């Protein structure tokens, strides 16, 4: 899954981010974040997203 922030509603610096996510379990994703500099994408970091558990 890709999160491409290149939307006219976002400020220019936000539009340069591009995130790629992979589901590793139900509600759990591992991801990488990249920053676009011209035609090049620069790797920034890894991160994880988790769906909150129900109380």
PDB file of N, CA and C in Angstrom:
ATOM      1  N   UNK A   1       0.856  -1.149   0.000  1.00  0.00           N
ATOM      2  CA  UNK A   1       0.000   0.000   0.000  1.00  0.00           C
ATOM      3  C   UNK A   1       0.915   1.228   0.000  1.00  0.00           C
ATOM      4  N   UNK A   2       0.520   2.247  -0.725  1.00  0.00           N
ATOM      5  CA  UNK A   2       1.288   3.486  -0.791  1.00  0.00           C
ATOM      6  C   UNK A   2       0.489   4.641  -0.203  1.00  0.00           C
ATOM      7  N   UNK A   3       1.150   5.491   0.564  1.00  0.00           N
ATOM      8  CA  UNK A   3       0.566   6.749   1.021  1.00  0.00           C
ATOM      9  C   UNK A   3       1.332   7.848   0.303  1.00  0.00           C
ATOM     10  N   UNK A   4       0.720   8.392  -0.708  1.00  0.00           N
ATOM     11  CA  UNK A   4       1.353   9.447  -1.493  1.00  0.00           C
ATOM     12  C   UNK A   4       0.685  10.753  -1.095  1.00  0.00           C
ATOM     13  N   UNK A   5       1.425  11.625  -0.468  1.00  0.00           N
ATOM     14  CA  UNK A   5       0.892  12.870   0.073  1.00  0.00           C
ATOM     15  C   UNK A   5       0.859  14.003  -0.956  1.00  0.00           C
ATOM     16  N   UNK A   6       1.066  13.657  -2.230  1.00  0.00           N
ATOM     17  CA  UNK A   6       1.115  14.656  -3.300  1.00  0.00           C
ATOM     18  C   UNK A   6      -0.304  15.065  -3.701  1.00  0.00           C
ATOM     19  N   UNK A   7      -0.948  15.830  -2.820  1.00  0.00           N
ATOM     20  CA  UNK A   7      -2.306  16.324  -3.044  1.00  0.00           C
ATOM     21  C   UNK A   7      -2.281  17.852  -3.028  1.00  0.00           C
ATOM     22  N   UNK A   8      -3.057  18.461  -3.873  1.00  0.00           N
ATOM     23  CA  UNK A   8      -3.105  19.921  -3.950  1.00  0.00           C
ATOM     24  C   UNK A   8      -3.510  20.544  -2.616  1.00  0.00           C
ATOM     25  N   UNK A   9      -4.194  19.798  -1.753  1.00  0.00           N
ATOM     26  CA  UNK A   9      -4.622  20.320  -0.452  1.00  0.00           C
ATOM     27  C   UNK A   9      -3.478  20.397   0.559  1.00  0.00           C
ATOM     28  N   UNK A  10      -2.368  19.706   0.296  1.00  0.00           N
ATOM     29  CA  UNK A  10      -1.238  19.681   1.220  1.00  0.00           C
ATOM     30  C   UNK A  10      -0.210  20.754   0.868  1.00  0.00           C
ATOM     31  N   UNK A  11       0.476  21.306   1.876  1.00  0.00           N
ATOM     32  CA  UNK A  11       1.568  22.249   1.600  1.00  0.00           C
ATOM     33  C   UNK A  11       2.694  21.537   0.842  1.00  0.00           C
ATOM     34  N   UNK A  12       3.516  22.302   0.145  1.00  0.00           N
ATOM     35  CA  UNK A  12       4.582  21.752  -0.686  1.00  0.00           C
ATOM     36  C   UNK A  12       5.505  20.788   0.030  1.00  0.00           C
ATOM     37  N   UNK A  13       5.915  21.109   1.248  1.00  0.00           N
ATOM     38  CA  UNK A  13       6.852  20.229   1.952  1.00  0.00           C
ATOM     39  C   UNK A  13       6.211  18.898   2.331  1.00  0.00           C
ATOM     40  N   UNK A  14       4.911  18.873   2.559  1.00  0.00           N
ATOM     41  CA  UNK A  14       4.209  17.623   2.886  1.00  0.00           C
ATOM     42  C   UNK A  14       4.015  16.786   1.625  1.00  0.00           C
ATOM     43  N   UNK A  15       3.809  17.435   0.496  1.00  0.00           N
ATOM     44  CA  UNK A  15       3.563  16.737  -0.767  1.00  0.00           C
ATOM     45  C   UNK A  15       4.759  15.912  -1.216  1.00  0.00           C
ATOM     46  N   UNK A  16       5.922  16.182  -0.674  1.00  0.00           N
ATOM     47  CA  UNK A  16       7.139  15.473  -1.073  1.00  0.00           C
ATOM     48  C   UNK A  16       7.297  14.114  -0.381  1.00  0.00           C
ATOM     49  N   UNK A  17       6.469  13.823   0.631  1.00  0.00           N
ATOM     50  CA  UNK A  17       6.579  12.550   1.344  1.00  0.00           C
ATOM     51  C   UNK A  17       5.851  11.439   0.602  1.00  0.00           C
ATOM     52  N   UNK A  18       6.442  10.247   0.682  1.00  0.00           N
ATOM     53  CA  UNK A  18       5.884   9.049   0.055  1.00  0.00           C
ATOM     54  C   UNK A  18       6.146   7.890   1.014  1.00  0.00           C
ATOM     55  N   UNK A  19       5.097   7.227   1.473  1.00  0.00           N
ATOM     56  CA  UNK A  19       5.229   6.133   2.435  1.00  0.00           C
ATOM     57  C   UNK A  19       4.719   4.837   1.807  1.00  0.00           C
ATOM     58  N   UNK A  20       5.417   3.746   2.106  1.00  0.00           N
ATOM     59  CA  UNK A  20       5.028   2.423   1.625  1.00  0.00           C
ATOM     60  C   UNK A  20       4.765   1.532   2.835  1.00  0.00           C
ATOM     61  N   UNK A  21       3.594   0.893   2.864  1.00  0.00           N
ATOM     62  CA  UNK A  21       3.187   0.059   3.998  1.00  0.00           C
ATOM     63  C   UNK A  21       2.957  -1.377   3.552  1.00  0.00           C
ATOM     64  N   UNK A  22       3.294  -2.309   4.446  1.00  0.00           N
ATOM     65  CA  UNK A  22       3.045  -3.730   4.223  1.00  0.00           C
ATOM     66  C   UNK A  22       2.322  -4.268   5.454  1.00  0.00           C
ATOM     67  N   UNK A  23       1.181  -4.922   5.242  1.00  0.00           N
ATOM     68  CA  UNK A  23       0.440  -5.531   6.351  1.00  0.00           C
ATOM     69  C   UNK A  23       1.167  -6.802   6.765  1.00  0.00           C
ATOM     70  N   UNK A  24       1.510  -6.896   8.055  1.00  0.00           N
ATOM     71  CA  UNK A  24       2.171  -8.102   8.551  1.00  0.00           C
ATOM     72  C   UNK A  24       1.251  -8.936   9.440  1.00  0.00           C
ATOM     73  N   UNK A  25       0.137  -8.349   9.826  1.00  0.00           N
ATOM     74  CA  UNK A  25      -0.889  -9.041  10.606  1.00  0.00           C
ATOM     75  C   UNK A  25      -2.138  -8.173  10.527  1.00  0.00           C
ATOM     76  N   UNK A  26      -3.251  -8.664  11.012  1.00  0.00           N
ATOM     77  CA  UNK A  26      -4.484  -7.886  10.977  1.00  0.00           C
ATOM     78  C   UNK A  26      -4.313  -6.618  11.824  1.00  0.00           C
ATOM     79  N   UNK A  27      -4.424  -5.464  11.179  1.00  0.00           N
ATOM     80  CA  UNK A  27      -4.316  -4.184  11.874  1.00  0.00           C
ATOM     81  C   UNK A  27      -2.895  -3.768  12.225  1.00  0.00           C
ATOM     82  N   UNK A  28      -1.879  -4.444  11.667  1.00  0.00           N
ATOM     83  CA  UNK A  28      -0.484  -4.115  11.966  1.00  0.00           C
ATOM     84  C   UNK A  28       0.295  -3.967  10.666  1.00  0.00           C
ATOM     85  N   UNK A  29       0.949  -2.819  10.511  1.00  0.00           N
ATOM     86  CA  UNK A  29       1.679  -2.501   9.286  1.00  0.00           C
ATOM     87  C   UNK A  29       3.110  -2.069   9.609  1.00  0.00           C
ATOM     88  N   UNK A  30       4.043  -2.489   8.764  1.00  0.00           N
ATOM     89  CA  UNK A  30       5.404  -1.966   8.779  1.00  0.00           C
ATOM     90  C   UNK A  30       5.545  -1.082   7.554  1.00  0.00           C
ATOM     91  N   UNK A  31       6.319  -0.003   7.702  1.00  0.00           N
ATOM     92  CA  UNK A  31       6.383   0.967   6.618  1.00  0.00           C
ATOM     93  C   UNK A  31       7.744   1.619   6.510  1.00  0.00           C
ATOM     94  N   UNK A  32       7.988   2.193   5.332  1.00  0.00           N
ATOM     95  CA  UNK A  32       9.156   3.039   5.103  1.00  0.00           C
ATOM     96  C   UNK A  32       8.657   4.387   4.615  1.00  0.00           C
ATOM     97  N   UNK A  33       9.413   5.409   4.928  1.00  0.00           N
ATOM     98  CA  UNK A  33       9.065   6.761   4.497  1.00  0.00           C
ATOM     99  C   UNK A  33      10.191   7.307   3.626  1.00  0.00           C
ATOM    100  N   UNK A  34       9.806   7.961   2.535  1.00  0.00           N
ATOM    101  CA  UNK A  34      10.759   8.561   1.610  1.00  0.00           C
ATOM    102  C   UNK A  34      10.385  10.025   1.381  1.00  0.00           C
ATOM    103  N   UNK A  35      11.391  10.825   1.026  1.00  0.00           N
ATOM    104  CA  UNK A  35      11.193  12.238   0.746  1.00  0.00           C
ATOM    105  C   UNK A  35      11.681  12.502  -0.671  1.00  0.00           C
ATOM    106  N   UNK A  36      10.819  13.050  -1.501  1.00  0.00           N
ATOM    107  CA  UNK A  36      11.136  13.294  -2.903  1.00  0.00           C
ATOM    108  C   UNK A  36      11.956  14.569  -3.055  1.00  0.00           C
ATOM    109  N   UNK A  37      13.107  14.435  -3.696  1.00  0.00           N
ATOM    110  CA  UNK A  37      13.970  15.572  -4.038  1.00  0.00           C
ATOM    111  C   UNK A  37      14.145  15.556  -5.547  1.00  0.00           C
ATOM    112  N   UNK A  38      13.345  16.341  -6.254  1.00  0.00           N
ATOM    113  CA  UNK A  38      13.361  16.286  -7.721  1.00  0.00           C
ATOM    114  C   UNK A  38      12.808  14.947  -8.167  1.00  0.00           C
ATOM    115  N   UNK A  39      13.579  14.214  -8.971  1.00  0.00           N
ATOM    116  CA  UNK A  39      13.161  12.897  -9.449  1.00  0.00           C
ATOM    117  C   UNK A  39      13.604  11.781  -8.500  1.00  0.00           C
ATOM    118  N   UNK A  40      14.379  12.099  -7.500  1.00  0.00           N
ATOM    119  CA  UNK A  40      14.957  11.117  -6.580  1.00  0.00           C
ATOM    120  C   UNK A  40      14.130  11.021  -5.296  1.00  0.00           C
ATOM    121  N   UNK A  41      13.982   9.800  -4.769  1.00  0.00           N
ATOM    122  CA  UNK A  41      13.332   9.618  -3.471  1.00  0.00           C
ATOM    123  C   UNK A  41      14.396   9.239  -2.455  1.00  0.00           C
ATOM    124  N   UNK A  42      14.484   9.995  -1.378  1.00  0.00           N
ATOM    125  CA  UNK A  42      15.479   9.775  -0.336  1.00  0.00           C
ATOM    126  C   UNK A  42      14.829   9.026   0.825  1.00  0.00           C
ATOM    127  N   UNK A  43      15.432   7.897   1.214  1.00  0.00           N
ATOM    128  CA  UNK A  43      14.930   7.119   2.338  1.00  0.00           C
ATOM    129  C   UNK A  43      15.066   7.938   3.622  1.00  0.00           C
ATOM    130  N   UNK A  44      14.008   7.934   4.458  1.00  0.00           N
ATOM    131  CA  UNK A  44      14.038   8.656   5.735  1.00  0.00           C
ATOM    132  C   UNK A  44      14.040   7.715   6.931  1.00  0.00           C
ATOM    133  N   UNK A  45      13.055   6.806   7.003  1.00  0.00           N
ATOM    134  CA  UNK A  45      12.949   5.973   8.195  1.00  0.00           C
ATOM    135  C   UNK A  45      11.982   4.812   7.976  1.00  0.00           C
ATOM    136  N   UNK A  46      11.983   3.908   8.940  1.00  0.00           N
ATOM    137  CA  UNK A  46      10.984   2.847   9.046  1.00  0.00           C
ATOM    138  C   UNK A  46      10.029   3.235  10.170  1.00  0.00           C
ATOM    139  N   UNK A  47       8.787   2.771  10.076  1.00  0.00           N
ATOM    140  CA  UNK A  47       7.842   2.985  11.170  1.00  0.00           C
ATOM    141  C   UNK A  47       6.785   1.901  11.141  1.00  0.00           C
ATOM    142  N   UNK A  48       6.026   1.796  12.210  1.00  0.00           N
ATOM    143  CA  UNK A  48       4.955   0.813  12.308  1.00  0.00           C
ATOM    144  C   UNK A  48       3.653   1.516  12.659  1.00  0.00           C
ATOM    145  N   UNK A  49       2.562   0.973  12.170  1.00  0.00           N
ATOM    146  CA  UNK A  49       1.219   1.468  12.507  1.00  0.00           C
ATOM    147  C   UNK A  49       0.426   0.276  13.029  1.00  0.00           C
ATOM    148  N   UNK A  50      -0.336   0.516  14.091  1.00  0.00           N
ATOM    149  CA  UNK A  50      -1.161  -0.531  14.674  1.00  0.00           C
ATOM    150  C   UNK A  50      -2.554   0.018  14.959  1.00  0.00           C
ATOM    151  N   UNK A  51      -3.550  -0.771  14.622  1.00  0.00           N
ATOM    152  CA  UNK A  51      -4.932  -0.422  14.937  1.00  0.00           C
ATOM    153  C   UNK A  51      -5.102  -0.595  16.445  1.00  0.00           C
ATOM    154  N   UNK A  52      -5.629   0.405  17.142  1.00  0.00           N
ATOM    155  CA  UNK A  52      -5.802   0.299  18.590  1.00  0.00           C
ATOM    156  C   UNK A  52      -6.709  -0.875  18.963  1.00  0.00           C
ATOM    157  N   UNK A  53      -6.387  -1.542  20.054  1.00  0.00           N
ATOM    158  CA  UNK A  53      -7.226  -2.627  20.562  1.00  0.00           C
ATOM    159  C   UNK A  53      -8.510  -2.043  21.139  1.00  0.00           C
ATOM    160  N   UNK A  54      -9.587  -2.777  21.017  1.00  0.00           N
ATOM    161  CA  UNK A  54     -10.850  -2.309  21.602  1.00  0.00           C
ATOM    162  C   UNK A  54     -10.823  -2.495  23.114  1.00  0.00           C
ATOM    163  N   UNK A  55     -11.398  -1.540  23.810  1.00  0.00           N
ATOM    164  CA  UNK A  55     -11.419  -1.612  25.284  1.00  0.00           C
ATOM    165  C   UNK A  55     -12.567  -2.473  25.769  1.00  0.00           C
TER     166      UNK A  55
END
